[in-house]
Amino acid sequence: MATNTYTGLTDSDMVQLAELGKLIQLGLSCDANGEGVPCRTDRLDVVGNMIKYLQLHDYTITDEVSV
């Protein structure tokens, strides 16, 4: 599979990014509780999709909490 020299991403990566982008936008647009923010389930789903999105760009995500 060819890699785009400008983006460093394959065609398959670009398809995944487009799908993840749609899912992220959809998840953030939900306001089922009428509070002006997505419900907890949708927020956590969006975070998972954002992690996948960043990993396609070679970011390393850790699950560390600093206090």
PDB file of N, CA and C in Angstrom:
ATOM      1  N   MET A   1       0.838  -1.173   0.000  1.00  0.00           N
ATOM      2  CA  MET A   1       0.000   0.000   0.000  1.00  0.00           C
ATOM      3  C   MET A   1       0.889   1.243   0.000  1.00  0.00           C
ATOM      4  N   ALA A   2       0.584   2.178  -0.855  1.00  0.00           N
ATOM      5  CA  ALA A   2       1.412   3.369  -1.007  1.00  0.00           C
ATOM      6  C   ALA A   2       1.202   4.343   0.144  1.00  0.00           C
ATOM      7  N   THR A   3       2.291   4.980   0.536  1.00  0.00           N
ATOM      8  CA  THR A   3       2.242   5.995   1.577  1.00  0.00           C
ATOM      9  C   THR A   3       2.386   7.354   0.925  1.00  0.00           C
ATOM     10  N   ASN A   4       1.510   8.279   1.290  1.00  0.00           N
ATOM     11  CA  ASN A   4       1.571   9.637   0.791  1.00  0.00           C
ATOM     12  C   ASN A   4       2.782  10.312   1.416  1.00  0.00           C
ATOM     13  N   THR A   5       3.707  10.811   0.594  1.00  0.00           N
ATOM     14  CA  THR A   5       4.929  11.406   1.127  1.00  0.00           C
ATOM     15  C   THR A   5       4.665  12.711   1.875  1.00  0.00           C
ATOM     16  N   TYR A   6       3.578  13.386   1.580  1.00  0.00           N
ATOM     17  CA  TYR A   6       3.241  14.644   2.268  1.00  0.00           C
ATOM     18  C   TYR A   6       2.686  14.379   3.662  1.00  0.00           C
ATOM     19  N   THR A   7       1.752  13.433   3.778  1.00  0.00           N
ATOM     20  CA  THR A   7       1.106  13.167   5.068  1.00  0.00           C
ATOM     21  C   THR A   7       1.779  12.049   5.840  1.00  0.00           C
ATOM     22  N   GLY A   8       2.492  11.163   5.148  1.00  0.00           N
ATOM     23  CA  GLY A   8       3.092  10.008   5.798  1.00  0.00           C
ATOM     24  C   GLY A   8       2.082   8.921   6.110  1.00  0.00           C
ATOM     25  N   LEU A   9       0.884   9.031   5.549  1.00  0.00           N
ATOM     26  CA  LEU A   9      -0.193   8.086   5.822  1.00  0.00           C
ATOM     27  C   LEU A   9      -0.547   7.304   4.565  1.00  0.00           C
ATOM     28  N   THR A  10      -0.976   6.067   4.766  1.00  0.00           N
ATOM     29  CA  THR A  10      -1.423   5.247   3.636  1.00  0.00           C
ATOM     30  C   THR A  10      -2.866   5.606   3.298  1.00  0.00           C
ATOM     31  N   ASP A  11      -3.329   5.109   2.169  1.00  0.00           N
ATOM     32  CA  ASP A  11      -4.731   5.312   1.792  1.00  0.00           C
ATOM     33  C   ASP A  11      -5.654   4.706   2.841  1.00  0.00           C
ATOM     34  N   SER A  12      -5.266   3.555   3.360  1.00  0.00           N
ATOM     35  CA  SER A  12      -6.057   2.896   4.398  1.00  0.00           C
ATOM     36  C   SER A  12      -6.115   3.756   5.663  1.00  0.00           C
ATOM     37  N   ASP A  13      -4.970   4.364   6.027  1.00  0.00           N
ATOM     38  CA  ASP A  13      -4.942   5.268   7.179  1.00  0.00           C
ATOM     39  C   ASP A  13      -5.904   6.433   6.969  1.00  0.00           C
ATOM     40  N   MET A  14      -5.903   6.988   5.770  1.00  0.00           N
ATOM     41  CA  MET A  14      -6.767   8.134   5.474  1.00  0.00           C
ATOM     42  C   MET A  14      -8.237   7.756   5.596  1.00  0.00           C
ATOM     43  N   VAL A  15      -8.591   6.552   5.140  1.00  0.00           N
ATOM     44  CA  VAL A  15      -9.971   6.077   5.270  1.00  0.00           C
ATOM     45  C   VAL A  15     -10.331   5.943   6.754  1.00  0.00           C
ATOM     46  N   GLN A  16      -9.413   5.375   7.539  1.00  0.00           N
ATOM     47  CA  GLN A  16      -9.655   5.229   8.977  1.00  0.00           C
ATOM     48  C   GLN A  16      -9.799   6.584   9.654  1.00  0.00           C
ATOM     49  N   LEU A  17      -8.955   7.550   9.271  1.00  0.00           N
ATOM     50  CA  LEU A  17      -9.033   8.884   9.854  1.00  0.00           C
ATOM     51  C   LEU A  17     -10.375   9.541   9.550  1.00  0.00           C
ATOM     52  N   ALA A  18     -10.843   9.383   8.323  1.00  0.00           N
ATOM     53  CA  ALA A  18     -12.125   9.970   7.945  1.00  0.00           C
ATOM     54  C   ALA A  18     -13.258   9.377   8.774  1.00  0.00           C
ATOM     55  N   GLU A  19     -13.235   8.056   8.949  1.00  0.00           N
ATOM     56  CA  GLU A  19     -14.281   7.393   9.728  1.00  0.00           C
ATOM     57  C   GLU A  19     -14.190   7.791  11.202  1.00  0.00           C
ATOM     58  N   LEU A  20     -12.994   7.796  11.741  1.00  0.00           N
ATOM     59  CA  LEU A  20     -12.830   8.208  13.139  1.00  0.00           C
ATOM     60  C   LEU A  20     -13.256   9.661  13.334  1.00  0.00           C
ATOM     61  N   GLY A  21     -12.933  10.514  12.372  1.00  0.00           N
ATOM     62  CA  GLY A  21     -13.338  11.921  12.456  1.00  0.00           C
ATOM     63  C   GLY A  21     -14.849  12.066  12.523  1.00  0.00           C
ATOM     64  N   LYS A  22     -15.550  11.299  11.708  1.00  0.00           N
ATOM     65  CA  LYS A  22     -17.022  11.324  11.730  1.00  0.00           C
ATOM     66  C   LYS A  22     -17.553  10.853  13.078  1.00  0.00           C
ATOM     67  N   LEU A  23     -16.959   9.769  13.605  1.00  0.00           N
ATOM     68  CA  LEU A  23     -17.401   9.244  14.896  1.00  0.00           C
ATOM     69  C   LEU A  23     -17.126  10.229  16.032  1.00  0.00           C
ATOM     70  N   ILE A  24     -15.989  10.899  15.971  1.00  0.00           N
ATOM     71  CA  ILE A  24     -15.643  11.892  16.993  1.00  0.00           C
ATOM     72  C   ILE A  24     -16.641  13.052  16.956  1.00  0.00           C
ATOM     73  N   GLN A  25     -16.915  13.567  15.774  1.00  0.00           N
ATOM     74  CA  GLN A  25     -17.867  14.668  15.651  1.00  0.00           C
ATOM     75  C   GLN A  25     -19.259  14.262  16.119  1.00  0.00           C
ATOM     76  N   LEU A  26     -19.679  13.072  15.744  1.00  0.00           N
ATOM     77  CA  LEU A  26     -20.991  12.585  16.143  1.00  0.00           C
ATOM     78  C   LEU A  26     -21.086  12.451  17.661  1.00  0.00           C
ATOM     79  N   GLY A  27     -20.053  11.874  18.266  1.00  0.00           N
ATOM     80  CA  GLY A  27     -20.045  11.692  19.708  1.00  0.00           C
ATOM     81  C   GLY A  27     -20.073  13.001  20.465  1.00  0.00           C
ATOM     82  N   LEU A  28     -19.374  14.015  19.947  1.00  0.00           N
ATOM     83  CA  LEU A  28     -19.345  15.313  20.613  1.00  0.00           C
ATOM     84  C   LEU A  28     -20.622  16.114  20.399  1.00  0.00           C
ATOM     85  N   SER A  29     -21.394  15.760  19.389  1.00  0.00           N
ATOM     86  CA  SER A  29     -22.609  16.525  19.090  1.00  0.00           C
ATOM     87  C   SER A  29     -23.810  16.054  19.911  1.00  0.00           C
ATOM     88  N   CYS A  30     -23.694  14.914  20.581  1.00  0.00           N
ATOM     89  CA  CYS A  30     -24.808  14.388  21.363  1.00  0.00           C
ATOM     90  C   CYS A  30     -24.994  15.205  22.641  1.00  0.00           C
ATOM     91  N   ASP A  31     -26.227  15.573  22.933  1.00  0.00           N
ATOM     92  CA  ASP A  31     -26.563  16.287  24.170  1.00  0.00           C
ATOM     93  C   ASP A  31     -27.841  15.684  24.737  1.00  0.00           C
ATOM     94  N   ALA A  32     -27.814  14.365  24.914  1.00  0.00           N
ATOM     95  CA  ALA A  32     -29.012  13.644  25.345  1.00  0.00           C
ATOM     96  C   ALA A  32     -29.504  14.096  26.716  1.00  0.00           C
ATOM     97  N   ASN A  33     -28.596  14.586  27.561  1.00  0.00           N
ATOM     98  CA  ASN A  33     -28.986  14.998  28.910  1.00  0.00           C
ATOM     99  C   ASN A  33     -29.413  16.461  28.982  1.00  0.00           C
ATOM    100  N   GLY A  34     -29.268  17.197  27.882  1.00  0.00           N
ATOM    101  CA  GLY A  34     -29.668  18.589  27.853  1.00  0.00           C
ATOM    102  C   GLY A  34     -28.792  19.493  28.703  1.00  0.00           C
ATOM    103  N   GLU A  35     -27.539  19.073  28.962  1.00  0.00           N
ATOM    104  CA  GLU A  35     -26.627  19.844  29.805  1.00  0.00           C
ATOM    105  C   GLU A  35     -25.612  20.652  29.004  1.00  0.00           C
ATOM    106  N   GLY A  36     -25.666  20.541  27.693  1.00  0.00           N
ATOM    107  CA  GLY A  36     -24.719  21.266  26.862  1.00  0.00           C
ATOM    108  C   GLY A  36     -23.418  20.528  26.612  1.00  0.00           C
ATOM    109  N   VAL A  37     -23.290  19.324  27.169  1.00  0.00           N
ATOM    110  CA  VAL A  37     -22.110  18.488  26.928  1.00  0.00           C
ATOM    111  C   VAL A  37     -22.592  17.068  26.652  1.00  0.00           C
ATOM    112  N   PRO A  38     -21.808  16.296  25.916  1.00  0.00           N
ATOM    113  CA  PRO A  38     -22.199  14.904  25.664  1.00  0.00           C
ATOM    114  C   PRO A  38     -22.259  14.110  26.974  1.00  0.00           C
ATOM    115  N   CYS A  39     -23.066  13.072  26.988  1.00  0.00           N
ATOM    116  CA  CYS A  39     -23.153  12.222  28.175  1.00  0.00           C
ATOM    117  C   CYS A  39     -21.818  11.506  28.377  1.00  0.00           C
ATOM    118  N   ARG A  40     -21.602  10.976  29.565  1.00  0.00           N
ATOM    119  CA  ARG A  40     -20.325  10.349  29.917  1.00  0.00           C
ATOM    120  C   ARG A  40     -19.966   9.221  28.951  1.00  0.00           C
ATOM    121  N   THR A  41     -20.919   8.394  28.598  1.00  0.00           N
ATOM    122  CA  THR A  41     -20.663   7.277  27.682  1.00  0.00           C
ATOM    123  C   THR A  41     -20.138   7.789  26.349  1.00  0.00           C
ATOM    124  N   ASP A  42     -20.774   8.824  25.802  1.00  0.00           N
ATOM    125  CA  ASP A  42     -20.335   9.374  24.524  1.00  0.00           C
ATOM    126  C   ASP A  42     -18.960  10.025  24.641  1.00  0.00           C
ATOM    127  N   ARG A  43     -18.713  10.725  25.758  1.00  0.00           N
ATOM    128  CA  ARG A  43     -17.410  11.363  25.946  1.00  0.00           C
ATOM    129  C   ARG A  43     -16.297  10.322  25.979  1.00  0.00           C
ATOM    130  N   LEU A  44     -16.510   9.240  26.704  1.00  0.00           N
ATOM    131  CA  LEU A  44     -15.482   8.207  26.796  1.00  0.00           C
ATOM    132  C   LEU A  44     -15.275   7.503  25.458  1.00  0.00           C
ATOM    133  N   ASP A  45     -16.351   7.320  24.709  1.00  0.00           N
ATOM    134  CA  ASP A  45     -16.236   6.733  23.377  1.00  0.00           C
ATOM    135  C   ASP A  45     -15.413   7.651  22.471  1.00  0.00           C
ATOM    136  N   VAL A  46     -15.659   8.957  22.581  1.00  0.00           N
ATOM    137  CA  VAL A  46     -14.913   9.937  21.787  1.00  0.00           C
ATOM    138  C   VAL A  46     -13.433   9.906  22.156  1.00  0.00           C
ATOM    139  N   VAL A  47     -13.123   9.804  23.441  1.00  0.00           N
ATOM    140  CA  VAL A  47     -11.728   9.745  23.869  1.00  0.00           C
ATOM    141  C   VAL A  47     -11.047   8.522  23.248  1.00  0.00           C
ATOM    142  N   GLY A  48     -11.715   7.383  23.262  1.00  0.00           N
ATOM    143  CA  GLY A  48     -11.160   6.182  22.637  1.00  0.00           C
ATOM    144  C   GLY A  48     -10.891   6.379  21.153  1.00  0.00           C
ATOM    145  N   ASN A  49     -11.825   7.031  20.465  1.00  0.00           N
ATOM    146  CA  ASN A  49     -11.642   7.294  19.036  1.00  0.00           C
ATOM    147  C   ASN A  49     -10.536   8.314  18.792  1.00  0.00           C
ATOM    148  N   MET A  50     -10.403   9.302  19.696  1.00  0.00           N
ATOM    149  CA  MET A  50      -9.326  10.283  19.566  1.00  0.00           C
ATOM    150  C   MET A  50      -7.960   9.607  19.743  1.00  0.00           C
ATOM    151  N   ILE A  51      -7.880   8.666  20.661  1.00  0.00           N
ATOM    152  CA  ILE A  51      -6.635   7.932  20.869  1.00  0.00           C
ATOM    153  C   ILE A  51      -6.259   7.181  19.595  1.00  0.00           C
ATOM    154  N   LYS A  52      -7.218   6.496  18.988  1.00  0.00           N
ATOM    155  CA  LYS A  52      -6.955   5.786  17.732  1.00  0.00           C
ATOM    156  C   LYS A  52      -6.492   6.757  16.644  1.00  0.00           C
ATOM    157  N   TYR A  53      -7.137   7.926  16.584  1.00  0.00           N
ATOM    158  CA  TYR A  53      -6.804   8.957  15.599  1.00  0.00           C
ATOM    159  C   TYR A  53      -5.356   9.404  15.774  1.00  0.00           C
ATOM    160  N   LEU A  54      -4.971   9.667  17.014  1.00  0.00           N
ATOM    161  CA  LEU A  54      -3.604  10.106  17.292  1.00  0.00           C
ATOM    162  C   LEU A  54      -2.584   9.003  17.021  1.00  0.00           C
ATOM    163  N   GLN A  55      -2.946   7.755  17.333  1.00  0.00           N
ATOM    164  CA  GLN A  55      -2.030   6.647  17.098  1.00  0.00           C
ATOM    165  C   GLN A  55      -1.747   6.463  15.609  1.00  0.00           C
ATOM    166  N   LEU A  56      -2.697   6.782  14.760  1.00  0.00           N
ATOM    167  CA  LEU A  56      -2.454   6.712  13.315  1.00  0.00           C
ATOM    168  C   LEU A  56      -1.397   7.735  12.893  1.00  0.00           C
ATOM    169  N   HIS A  57      -1.201   8.762  13.722  1.00  0.00           N
ATOM    170  CA  HIS A  57      -0.170   9.777  13.471  1.00  0.00           C
ATOM    171  C   HIS A  57       1.095   9.491  14.285  1.00  0.00           C
ATOM    172  N   ASP A  58       1.214   8.251  14.760  1.00  0.00           N
ATOM    173  CA  ASP A  58       2.396   7.785  15.491  1.00  0.00           C
ATOM    174  C   ASP A  58       2.590   8.431  16.867  1.00  0.00           C
ATOM    175  N   TYR A  59       1.520   8.926  17.461  1.00  0.00           N
ATOM    176  CA  TYR A  59       1.602   9.399  18.840  1.00  0.00           C
ATOM    177  C   TYR A  59       1.530   8.196  19.766  1.00  0.00           C
ATOM    178  N   THR A  60       2.261   8.255  20.851  1.00  0.00           N
ATOM    179  CA  THR A  60       2.214   7.224  21.866  1.00  0.00           C
ATOM    180  C   THR A  60       1.349   7.734  22.998  1.00  0.00           C
ATOM    181  N   ILE A  61       0.308   7.005  23.321  1.00  0.00           N
ATOM    182  CA  ILE A  61      -0.645   7.396  24.361  1.00  0.00           C
ATOM    183  C   ILE A  61      -0.409   6.521  25.580  1.00  0.00           C
ATOM    184  N   THR A  62      -0.292   7.153  26.741  1.00  0.00           N
ATOM    185  CA  THR A  62      -0.141   6.395  27.980  1.00  0.00           C
ATOM    186  C   THR A  62      -1.344   6.672  28.867  1.00  0.00           C
ATOM    187  N   ASP A  63      -1.555   5.791  29.801  1.00  0.00           N
ATOM    188  CA  ASP A  63      -2.672   5.910  30.712  1.00  0.00           C
ATOM    189  C   ASP A  63      -2.144   6.255  32.108  1.00  0.00           C
ATOM    190  N   GLU A  64      -1.392   7.360  32.167  1.00  0.00           N
ATOM    191  CA  GLU A  64      -0.795   7.797  33.413  1.00  0.00           C
ATOM    192  C   GLU A  64      -1.575   8.978  33.971  1.00  0.00           C
ATOM    193  N   VAL A  65      -1.699   9.007  35.280  1.00  0.00           N
ATOM    194  CA  VAL A  65      -2.382  10.110  35.932  1.00  0.00           C
ATOM    195  C   VAL A  65      -1.387  10.782  36.871  1.00  0.00           C
ATOM    196  N   SER A  66      -1.199  12.074  36.698  1.00  0.00           N
ATOM    197  CA  SER A  66      -0.318  12.834  37.585  1.00  0.00           C
ATOM    198  C   SER A  66      -1.169  13.566  38.612  1.00  0.00           C
ATOM    199  N   VAL A  67      -0.758  13.475  39.866  1.00  0.00           N
ATOM    200  CA  VAL A  67      -1.496  14.149  40.931  1.00  0.00           C
ATOM    201  C   VAL A  67      -0.612  15.157  41.602  1.00  0.00           C
TER     202      VAL A  67
END
